Amino acid sequence: MGIFCLIITLLFLLNLLPTELAFGIGGGVGLGVGIGGGGGGGGVWIGGGPQPQQPPPTPTSTLNDAYIALQTWKSAINDDPNHILTSWVGPNVCNYKGIFCSYNYNNINVVTAIDLNYANLRGVLVKELSFLTELTILHLNSNRFSGKIPENFKDFGFLSELDLSNNNFSGTFPISVIYMPNLVYLDLRFNSFSGELPDDLFNKQLDAILVNNNQFSGEIPQSLGNSPASVINLANNRFSGGIPASLGFVNSRLKEILFLNNQLSGCIPEGVGLFSDMQVLDVSYNTLMGHVPDTLSCLDDIQVLNLAHNKLSGELSDVVCSLKNLVNLSVEYNFFSGLSQKCSNLFLRSVGFDFSLNCIPGKGMQRPPPDCSMIPGFGGSCPSIPSTKPLVCGNLLDLLLNLGNDPSSP
């Protein structure tokens, strides 16, 4: 079944006829990205964002080139407990396990996909893999590959999916990714990459950016708001500074964004309310301060809202607790001083709601009074939309732009 799904997806992406398909190591079709742990997905990404565009014609790789590339790579793999590479013998690379071939536009048989998910291989990537110039899918999730990503991977002009998750890769962000013109799905989760993210990452036409569970640090680029992605996961890194204020001003198609377990500070940007399709927003385990922006009331589709383990304060108001599609609301370990009536009624809606260890009078399992005597602050206040009327979500962008131009705003 996994091979069939991969064939169908290749046909969809490439409009090609498959030939001599080999045994697929991974399987299944990935329809989205959840919020749980573990490694990357094992199937083909089917997202709702940008679609790859074919680049200008490039010199065609041959199966002989592929043979050289794959045999060189095989020699750099020093452990194969599942005996995957025993089939990697002889010049007919289309019969190798995990290797998929198709006829290209010149009616030449070429390698177009590598799917070695869950193969448990140990080794490194070799620069000769760039000989596979018409590769569209490279899935290496859940192996033991280490080292850095070769710089000449930038020559993958047709690559649309790159899944290197759940390995032991290290070094700075693989800059070759920035130069892959057709990349749509990027999964670097659960590795040991470090350093800062490049600004251009969020300027690319990517539908999924998954870089969680690494050692990335520094500030999140201000270009974050430029990304057309539907899923962005930045969790479990070492990012510092604030959440970029640009968030929401360009991309309104974002469905999931996770900032949890970093070292972020400052305010939750008002622009987050522009994401009318947002389903998951997780900013937990940071040091965010100030009030919860009223613009959250515009998140009509939000299902999971996690604000826990920060230093947020003020009253948790109806604007949050009235969200109609809410399934789980977590605000524990903050400094909220009150709940609106609609928040108190969330349990009647069977919404998961944890407000423990705050500063709410008359409620159980709250912080001791000495902890609540001084609400954390950062020497300023969070920008807010001045209005005494109910917020009109359709006019939110104009209100936010006016707020940014108001010299009196913080």
Protein backbone atom coordinates (compact mmCIF):
# COMPACT_ATOMS: atom_id res chain seq x y z
CA MET A 1 0.00 0.00 0.00
CA GLY A 2 2.89 2.39 0.84
CA ILE A 3 4.40 1.89 -2.63
CA PHE A 4 1.08 2.55 -4.28
CA CYS A 5 0.67 5.83 -2.40
CA LEU A 6 4.16 6.92 -3.32
CA ILE A 7 3.55 6.06 -7.00
CA ILE A 8 0.33 8.06 -7.05
CA THR A 9 2.01 11.04 -5.40
CA LEU A 10 4.92 10.94 -7.83
CA LEU A 11 2.51 10.89 -10.73
CA PHE A 12 0.70 13.83 -9.20
CA LEU A 13 3.86 15.85 -8.62
CA LEU A 14 5.68 15.00 -11.80
CA ASN A 15 3.06 13.93 -14.32
CA LEU A 16 5.35 11.04 -15.19
CA LEU A 17 4.91 7.31 -15.82
CA PRO A 18 6.68 5.18 -13.21
CA THR A 19 8.96 2.34 -14.18
CA GLU A 20 10.58 -0.49 -12.29
CA LEU A 21 9.59 0.69 -8.85
CA ALA A 22 11.59 -0.77 -6.00
CA PHE A 23 10.55 -1.77 -2.52
CA GLY A 24 9.71 1.23 -0.31
CA ILE A 25 11.13 1.36 3.19
CA GLY A 26 8.70 3.98 4.47
CA GLY A 27 5.02 4.07 3.72
CA GLY A 28 1.76 5.87 4.09
CA VAL A 29 0.64 9.31 3.09
CA GLY A 30 1.18 12.22 5.46
CA LEU A 31 -1.87 14.45 5.56
CA GLY A 32 -0.64 16.89 8.16
CA VAL A 33 1.64 17.46 11.11
CA GLY A 34 0.44 16.90 14.63
CA ILE A 35 1.68 18.46 17.84
CA GLY A 36 3.09 15.35 19.48
CA GLY A 37 6.65 14.16 19.83
CA GLY A 38 8.59 11.54 17.97
CA GLY A 39 10.31 11.66 14.65
CA GLY A 40 9.10 12.86 11.31
CA GLY A 41 6.33 11.42 9.22
CA GLY A 42 6.78 8.37 7.10
CA GLY A 43 4.88 9.33 3.99
CA VAL A 44 4.51 11.89 1.28
CA TRP A 45 3.54 15.41 2.27
CA ILE A 46 0.15 16.53 0.99
CA GLY A 47 -0.27 20.06 2.22
CA GLY A 48 -2.41 22.99 1.24
CA GLY A 49 0.24 25.55 0.44
CA PRO A 50 2.59 26.39 -2.40
CA GLN A 51 3.06 23.89 -5.20
CA PRO A 52 6.48 23.31 -6.78
CA GLN A 53 7.23 24.88 -10.13
CA GLN A 54 9.47 23.10 -12.62
CA PRO A 55 12.79 24.94 -13.05
CA PRO A 56 14.38 25.50 -16.45
CA PRO A 57 15.73 22.33 -18.07
CA THR A 58 18.97 21.08 -16.53
CA PRO A 59 21.45 18.51 -17.76
CA THR A 60 19.81 15.13 -17.40
CA SER A 61 21.35 12.66 -15.01
CA THR A 62 21.66 9.09 -16.25
CA LEU A 63 21.28 5.79 -14.48
CA ASN A 64 25.04 5.45 -14.73
CA ASP A 65 25.39 8.70 -12.76
CA ALA A 66 22.91 7.30 -10.25
CA TYR A 67 24.93 4.08 -9.96
CA ILE A 68 28.09 6.06 -9.14
CA ALA A 69 26.23 8.23 -6.62
CA LEU A 70 24.47 5.38 -4.83
CA GLN A 71 27.52 3.11 -4.70
CA THR A 72 29.58 5.98 -3.27
CA TRP A 73 26.86 6.55 -0.67
CA LYS A 74 26.68 2.83 0.10
CA SER A 75 30.39 2.83 0.90
CA ALA A 76 29.77 5.66 3.41
CA ILE A 77 27.11 3.66 5.29
CA ASN A 78 28.76 1.51 7.95
CA ASP A 79 25.77 -0.19 9.58
CA ASP A 80 22.71 -1.72 7.92
CA PRO A 81 20.96 -3.92 10.50
CA ASN A 82 17.89 -4.44 8.31
CA HIS A 83 19.96 -5.51 5.29
CA ILE A 84 18.41 -2.87 3.08
CA LEU A 85 21.56 -2.38 1.04
CA THR A 86 21.95 -6.03 0.09
CA SER A 87 19.83 -5.21 -2.96
CA TRP A 88 22.16 -2.35 -3.94
CA VAL A 89 24.20 -4.50 -6.28
CA GLY A 90 24.74 -4.06 -10.01
CA PRO A 91 23.95 -1.20 -12.40
CA ASN A 92 20.14 -1.50 -12.35
CA VAL A 93 19.58 1.05 -9.58
CA CYS A 94 15.82 1.03 -10.15
CA ASN A 95 15.78 -2.38 -8.45
CA TYR A 96 17.49 -1.08 -5.32
CA LYS A 97 15.31 -1.04 -2.20
CA GLY A 98 14.16 2.48 -1.44
CA ILE A 99 15.04 3.84 -4.88
CA PHE A 100 12.29 4.90 -7.30
CA CYS A 101 12.66 5.65 -11.00
CA SER A 102 10.46 7.38 -13.57
CA TYR A 103 10.67 8.52 -17.17
CA ASN A 104 11.43 12.23 -17.41
CA TYR A 105 10.26 14.70 -20.04
CA ASN A 106 12.97 13.49 -22.40
CA ASN A 107 11.65 9.93 -22.02
CA ILE A 108 14.79 8.92 -20.15
CA ASN A 109 14.59 6.67 -17.11
CA VAL A 110 16.03 8.50 -14.06
CA VAL A 111 15.99 8.26 -10.26
CA THR A 112 13.26 10.57 -8.96
CA ALA A 113 12.77 9.48 -5.33
CA ILE A 114 14.64 7.97 -2.40
CA ASP A 115 12.54 6.65 0.49
CA LEU A 116 14.66 5.11 3.25
CA ASN A 117 12.47 6.07 6.19
CA TYR A 118 12.95 3.84 9.25
CA ALA A 119 15.81 1.91 7.62
CA ASN A 120 18.04 2.46 10.70
CA LEU A 121 21.10 3.07 8.54
CA ARG A 122 24.22 4.61 10.05
CA GLY A 123 26.60 6.73 8.00
CA VAL A 124 26.95 10.11 6.32
CA LEU A 125 25.61 11.80 3.22
CA VAL A 126 28.02 12.14 0.29
CA LYS A 127 28.33 14.98 -2.19
CA GLU A 128 27.94 12.55 -5.10
CA LEU A 129 24.21 12.34 -4.33
CA SER A 130 23.92 15.66 -6.16
CA PHE A 131 24.42 13.64 -9.37
CA LEU A 132 20.73 12.74 -8.97
CA THR A 133 19.71 16.03 -10.52
CA GLU A 134 16.06 15.04 -11.08
CA LEU A 135 15.41 13.81 -7.56
CA THR A 136 12.06 15.08 -6.28
CA ILE A 137 11.74 13.27 -2.94
CA LEU A 138 14.44 12.49 -0.37
CA HIS A 139 13.07 10.80 2.76
CA LEU A 140 15.63 9.68 5.37
CA ASN A 141 13.53 9.89 8.53
CA SER A 142 14.53 7.69 11.50
CA ASN A 143 18.03 6.61 10.60
CA ARG A 144 21.40 7.27 12.22
CA PHE A 145 22.97 9.55 9.64
CA SER A 146 25.34 12.14 11.07
CA GLY A 147 27.65 14.94 9.97
CA LYS A 148 26.74 17.93 7.84
CA ILE A 149 24.56 18.29 4.76
CA PRO A 150 26.72 18.62 1.62
CA GLU A 151 26.71 22.15 0.21
CA ASN A 152 26.20 20.91 -3.34
CA PHE A 153 22.74 19.64 -2.40
CA LYS A 154 21.75 23.08 -3.67
CA ASP A 155 21.90 21.46 -7.12
CA PHE A 156 18.68 19.53 -6.38
CA GLY A 157 16.66 21.73 -8.71
CA PHE A 158 13.56 19.48 -8.71
CA LEU A 159 13.50 18.42 -5.05
CA SER A 160 10.12 19.13 -3.45
CA GLU A 161 10.35 17.10 -0.22
CA LEU A 162 13.36 16.85 2.09
CA ASP A 163 12.90 14.81 5.27
CA LEU A 164 16.06 14.41 7.35
CA SER A 165 14.24 14.12 10.68
CA ASN A 166 15.19 11.89 13.58
CA ASN A 167 18.88 11.47 12.75
CA ASN A 168 22.15 12.76 14.20
CA PHE A 169 22.93 15.58 11.77
CA SER A 170 24.83 18.56 13.19
CA GLY A 171 26.35 21.88 12.18
CA THR A 172 24.58 25.08 11.28
CA PHE A 173 21.37 25.27 9.28
CA PRO A 174 22.02 23.54 5.92
CA ILE A 175 22.16 26.62 3.71
CA SER A 176 21.87 24.49 0.55
CA VAL A 177 18.15 24.22 1.39
CA ILE A 178 17.70 27.91 0.61
CA TYR A 179 18.80 27.35 -3.00
CA MET A 180 16.43 24.46 -3.79
CA PRO A 181 13.88 26.26 -6.01
CA ASN A 182 11.06 23.69 -5.81
CA LEU A 183 11.23 22.67 -2.16
CA VAL A 184 7.82 22.59 -0.49
CA TYR A 185 8.31 20.34 2.54
CA LEU A 186 11.30 20.72 4.88
CA ASP A 187 11.68 18.45 7.92
CA LEU A 188 14.84 18.77 10.04
CA ARG A 189 13.27 17.69 13.34
CA PHE A 190 15.09 15.74 16.03
CA ASN A 191 18.71 16.40 15.05
CA SER A 192 21.53 18.48 16.53
CA PHE A 193 21.59 21.46 14.18
CA SER A 194 22.67 24.69 15.88
CA GLY A 195 23.15 28.40 15.26
CA GLU A 196 20.66 30.88 13.85
CA LEU A 197 18.00 30.36 11.21
CA PRO A 198 18.65 32.29 7.97
CA ASP A 199 16.25 35.11 7.11
CA ASP A 200 15.58 33.63 3.69
CA LEU A 201 14.11 30.45 5.17
CA PHE A 202 10.79 32.20 5.69
CA ASN A 203 10.90 33.89 2.30
CA LYS A 204 10.84 30.53 0.49
CA GLN A 205 7.62 29.06 -0.90
CA LEU A 206 7.52 26.28 1.70
CA ASP A 207 4.31 24.70 2.96
CA ALA A 208 5.90 22.97 5.97
CA ILE A 209 8.88 24.15 8.04
CA LEU A 210 9.72 21.66 10.78
CA VAL A 211 12.91 22.48 12.68
CA ASN A 212 11.86 21.55 16.21
CA ASN A 213 13.98 19.54 18.64
CA ASN A 214 17.37 20.87 17.58
CA GLN A 215 19.76 23.35 19.17
CA PHE A 216 18.95 26.41 17.07
CA SER A 217 19.47 29.69 18.91
CA GLY A 218 19.36 33.46 18.45
CA GLU A 219 16.30 35.48 17.55
CA ILE A 220 13.62 34.17 15.23
CA PRO A 221 14.02 36.11 11.96
CA GLN A 222 11.61 39.00 11.43
CA SER A 223 10.84 37.45 8.04
CA LEU A 224 8.74 34.81 9.85
CA GLY A 225 5.62 36.71 8.84
CA ASN A 226 6.52 36.34 5.16
CA SER A 227 6.24 32.56 5.12
CA PRO A 228 3.34 31.04 3.15
CA ALA A 229 3.63 27.80 5.16
CA SER A 230 0.62 26.08 6.67
CA VAL A 231 2.71 24.41 9.40
CA ILE A 232 5.71 25.89 11.26
CA ASN A 233 7.28 24.09 14.21
CA LEU A 234 10.08 25.88 16.09
CA ALA A 235 9.61 24.05 19.41
CA ASN A 236 12.30 22.70 21.73
CA ASN A 237 15.19 24.86 20.60
CA ARG A 238 17.02 27.78 22.22
CA PHE A 239 15.46 30.74 20.46
CA SER A 240 15.49 34.02 22.39
CA GLY A 241 14.07 37.51 21.96
CA GLY A 242 10.47 38.16 21.03
CA ILE A 243 8.00 36.56 18.68
CA PRO A 244 8.34 38.63 15.48
CA ALA A 245 5.71 41.36 15.25
CA SER A 246 5.37 40.60 11.53
CA LEU A 247 3.55 37.38 12.36
CA GLY A 248 0.23 37.33 10.55
CA PHE A 249 0.65 40.38 8.33
CA VAL A 250 1.41 38.42 5.15
CA ASN A 251 0.45 34.80 5.71
CA SER A 252 -3.13 34.09 6.73
CA ARG A 253 -3.05 30.40 5.73
CA LEU A 254 -1.06 29.19 8.74
CA LYS A 255 -2.80 26.32 10.53
CA GLU A 256 -0.22 25.27 13.12
CA ILE A 257 2.65 27.18 14.72
CA LEU A 258 4.56 25.97 17.75
CA PHE A 259 7.02 28.07 19.76
CA LEU A 260 6.99 25.94 22.91
CA ASN A 261 10.02 25.35 25.13
CA ASN A 262 12.34 28.10 23.97
CA GLN A 263 13.59 31.24 25.73
CA LEU A 264 11.21 33.74 24.14
CA SER A 265 10.21 36.92 25.96
CA GLY A 266 8.09 40.01 25.39
CA CYS A 267 4.47 40.08 24.25
CA ILE A 268 2.25 37.84 22.18
CA PRO A 269 1.92 39.85 18.93
CA GLU A 270 -1.49 41.31 18.16
CA GLY A 271 -1.06 40.12 14.57
CA VAL A 272 -1.58 36.51 15.60
CA GLY A 273 -5.31 37.17 15.34
CA LEU A 274 -5.01 37.48 11.56
CA PHE A 275 -4.69 33.71 11.22
CA SER A 276 -8.34 32.90 10.60
CA ASP A 277 -7.41 29.28 9.70
CA MET A 278 -5.19 28.69 12.75
CA GLN A 279 -5.93 25.42 14.54
CA VAL A 280 -2.94 25.03 16.87
CA LEU A 281 -1.03 27.83 18.65
CA ASP A 282 1.46 26.79 21.31
CA VAL A 283 3.69 29.36 23.05
CA SER A 284 4.11 27.43 26.30
CA TYR A 285 7.32 27.13 28.33
CA ASN A 286 8.75 30.56 27.52
CA THR A 287 8.86 33.83 29.48
CA LEU A 288 6.20 35.81 27.62
CA MET A 289 4.64 38.65 29.64
CA GLY A 290 1.76 41.08 29.53
CA HIS A 291 -1.86 40.54 28.60
CA VAL A 292 -3.45 38.10 26.18
CA PRO A 293 -4.28 40.12 23.04
CA ASP A 294 -7.96 40.61 22.25
CA THR A 295 -7.19 39.70 18.65
CA LEU A 296 -7.17 36.03 19.68
CA SER A 297 -10.96 36.27 19.48
CA CYS A 298 -10.56 36.24 15.69
CA LEU A 299 -9.09 32.72 15.66
CA ASP A 300 -12.36 31.11 14.63
CA ASP A 301 -10.84 27.69 13.88
CA ILE A 302 -8.47 27.41 16.85
CA GLN A 303 -8.68 24.04 18.59
CA VAL A 304 -5.55 23.93 20.75
CA LEU A 305 -4.37 27.11 22.50
CA ASN A 306 -1.48 26.61 24.90
CA LEU A 307 -0.24 29.65 26.84
CA ALA A 308 1.04 27.70 29.85
CA HIS A 309 4.30 28.20 31.75
CA ASN A 310 4.86 31.87 30.94
CA LYS A 311 4.49 35.11 32.90
CA LEU A 312 1.23 36.34 31.39
CA SER A 313 -1.08 38.40 33.57
CA GLY A 314 -4.40 40.25 33.68
CA GLU A 315 -7.82 38.68 33.39
CA LEU A 316 -8.50 35.75 31.11
CA SER A 317 -11.46 37.22 29.30
CA ASP A 318 -14.36 36.18 27.11
CA VAL A 319 -12.34 36.88 23.97
CA VAL A 320 -10.39 33.68 24.59
CA CYS A 321 -12.98 31.54 26.28
CA SER A 322 -15.67 32.21 23.66
CA LEU A 323 -13.72 30.61 20.84
CA LYS A 324 -16.27 28.21 19.37
CA ASN A 325 -13.98 25.41 18.17
CA LEU A 326 -11.74 25.29 21.22
CA VAL A 327 -10.89 21.76 22.38
CA ASN A 328 -8.05 22.45 24.79
CA LEU A 329 -7.03 25.66 26.58
CA SER A 330 -3.94 25.59 28.80
CA VAL A 331 -3.01 28.67 30.86
CA GLU A 332 -1.43 27.07 33.93
CA TYR A 333 1.72 28.48 35.56
CA ASN A 334 1.10 32.14 34.73
CA PHE A 335 -0.02 35.16 36.76
CA PHE A 336 -3.63 35.59 35.59
CA SER A 337 -5.69 37.38 38.23
CA GLY A 338 -9.21 36.55 37.10
CA LEU A 339 -11.50 34.48 34.88
CA SER A 340 -14.54 35.68 32.99
CA GLN A 341 -17.82 33.81 33.37
CA LYS A 342 -17.43 32.19 29.98
CA CYS A 343 -14.06 30.84 31.05
CA SER A 344 -15.67 29.32 34.11
CA ASN A 345 -18.23 27.65 31.84
CA LEU A 346 -15.65 25.95 29.61
CA PHE A 347 -16.01 22.73 31.57
CA LEU A 348 -19.68 22.61 30.56
CA ARG A 349 -18.51 22.58 26.93
CA SER A 350 -16.19 19.63 27.63
CA VAL A 351 -13.19 21.80 26.80
CA GLY A 352 -9.93 20.76 28.42
CA PHE A 353 -9.09 23.76 30.61
CA ASP A 354 -6.16 24.01 33.05
CA PHE A 355 -5.81 27.29 34.96
CA SER A 356 -3.87 26.00 37.97
CA LEU A 357 -1.01 27.91 39.60
CA ASN A 358 -2.14 31.40 38.66
CA CYS A 359 -3.30 34.20 40.98
CA ILE A 360 -7.08 33.83 40.69
CA PRO A 361 -8.90 34.61 43.96
CA GLY A 362 -11.29 31.95 45.22
CA LYS A 363 -9.96 29.21 42.99
CA GLY A 364 -8.05 26.17 44.14
CA MET A 365 -4.52 25.15 43.23
CA GLN A 366 -3.28 28.72 42.77
CA ARG A 367 0.07 30.35 43.55
CA PRO A 368 0.72 31.37 47.15
CA PRO A 369 -0.11 35.05 47.81
CA PRO A 370 3.54 36.17 48.09
CA ASP A 371 4.12 35.00 44.51
CA CYS A 372 1.22 37.11 43.32
CA SER A 373 2.23 40.31 45.09
CA MET A 374 4.51 41.34 42.25
CA ILE A 375 3.30 40.64 38.72
CA PRO A 376 6.29 40.11 36.39
CA GLY A 377 6.95 42.93 33.96
CA PHE A 378 9.57 43.99 31.47
CA GLY A 379 9.63 47.76 31.80
CA GLY A 380 6.85 48.43 29.31
CA SER A 381 3.40 47.43 28.18
CA CYS A 382 2.20 45.37 25.27
CA PRO A 383 0.70 47.20 22.27
CA SER A 384 -3.06 46.86 22.05
CA ILE A 385 -5.78 48.02 19.71
CA PRO A 386 -7.58 50.97 21.34
CA SER A 387 -11.28 50.31 21.05
CA THR A 388 -14.31 50.39 23.30
CA LYS A 389 -16.41 48.51 20.77
CA PRO A 390 -16.36 44.76 20.04
CA LEU A 391 -13.46 43.90 17.78
CA VAL A 392 -14.42 43.55 14.11
CA CYS A 393 -12.14 40.81 12.80
CA GLY A 394 -12.69 41.79 9.17
CA ASN A 395 -11.05 45.16 9.90
CA LEU A 396 -8.25 43.70 12.00
CA LEU A 397 -5.45 44.25 9.48
CA ASP A 398 -6.29 47.95 9.10
CA LEU A 399 -6.44 48.36 12.89
CA LEU A 400 -3.07 46.69 13.32
CA LEU A 401 -1.46 48.79 10.62
CA ASN A 402 -2.81 51.92 12.27
CA LEU A 403 -1.48 50.68 15.61
CA GLY A 404 1.98 50.25 14.08
CA ASN A 405 1.87 53.82 12.72
CA ASP A 406 0.68 55.32 16.00
CA PRO A 407 3.65 57.12 17.55
CA SER A 408 2.04 56.88 20.97
CA SER A 409 1.90 53.08 20.88
CA PRO A 410 4.54 51.29 22.94
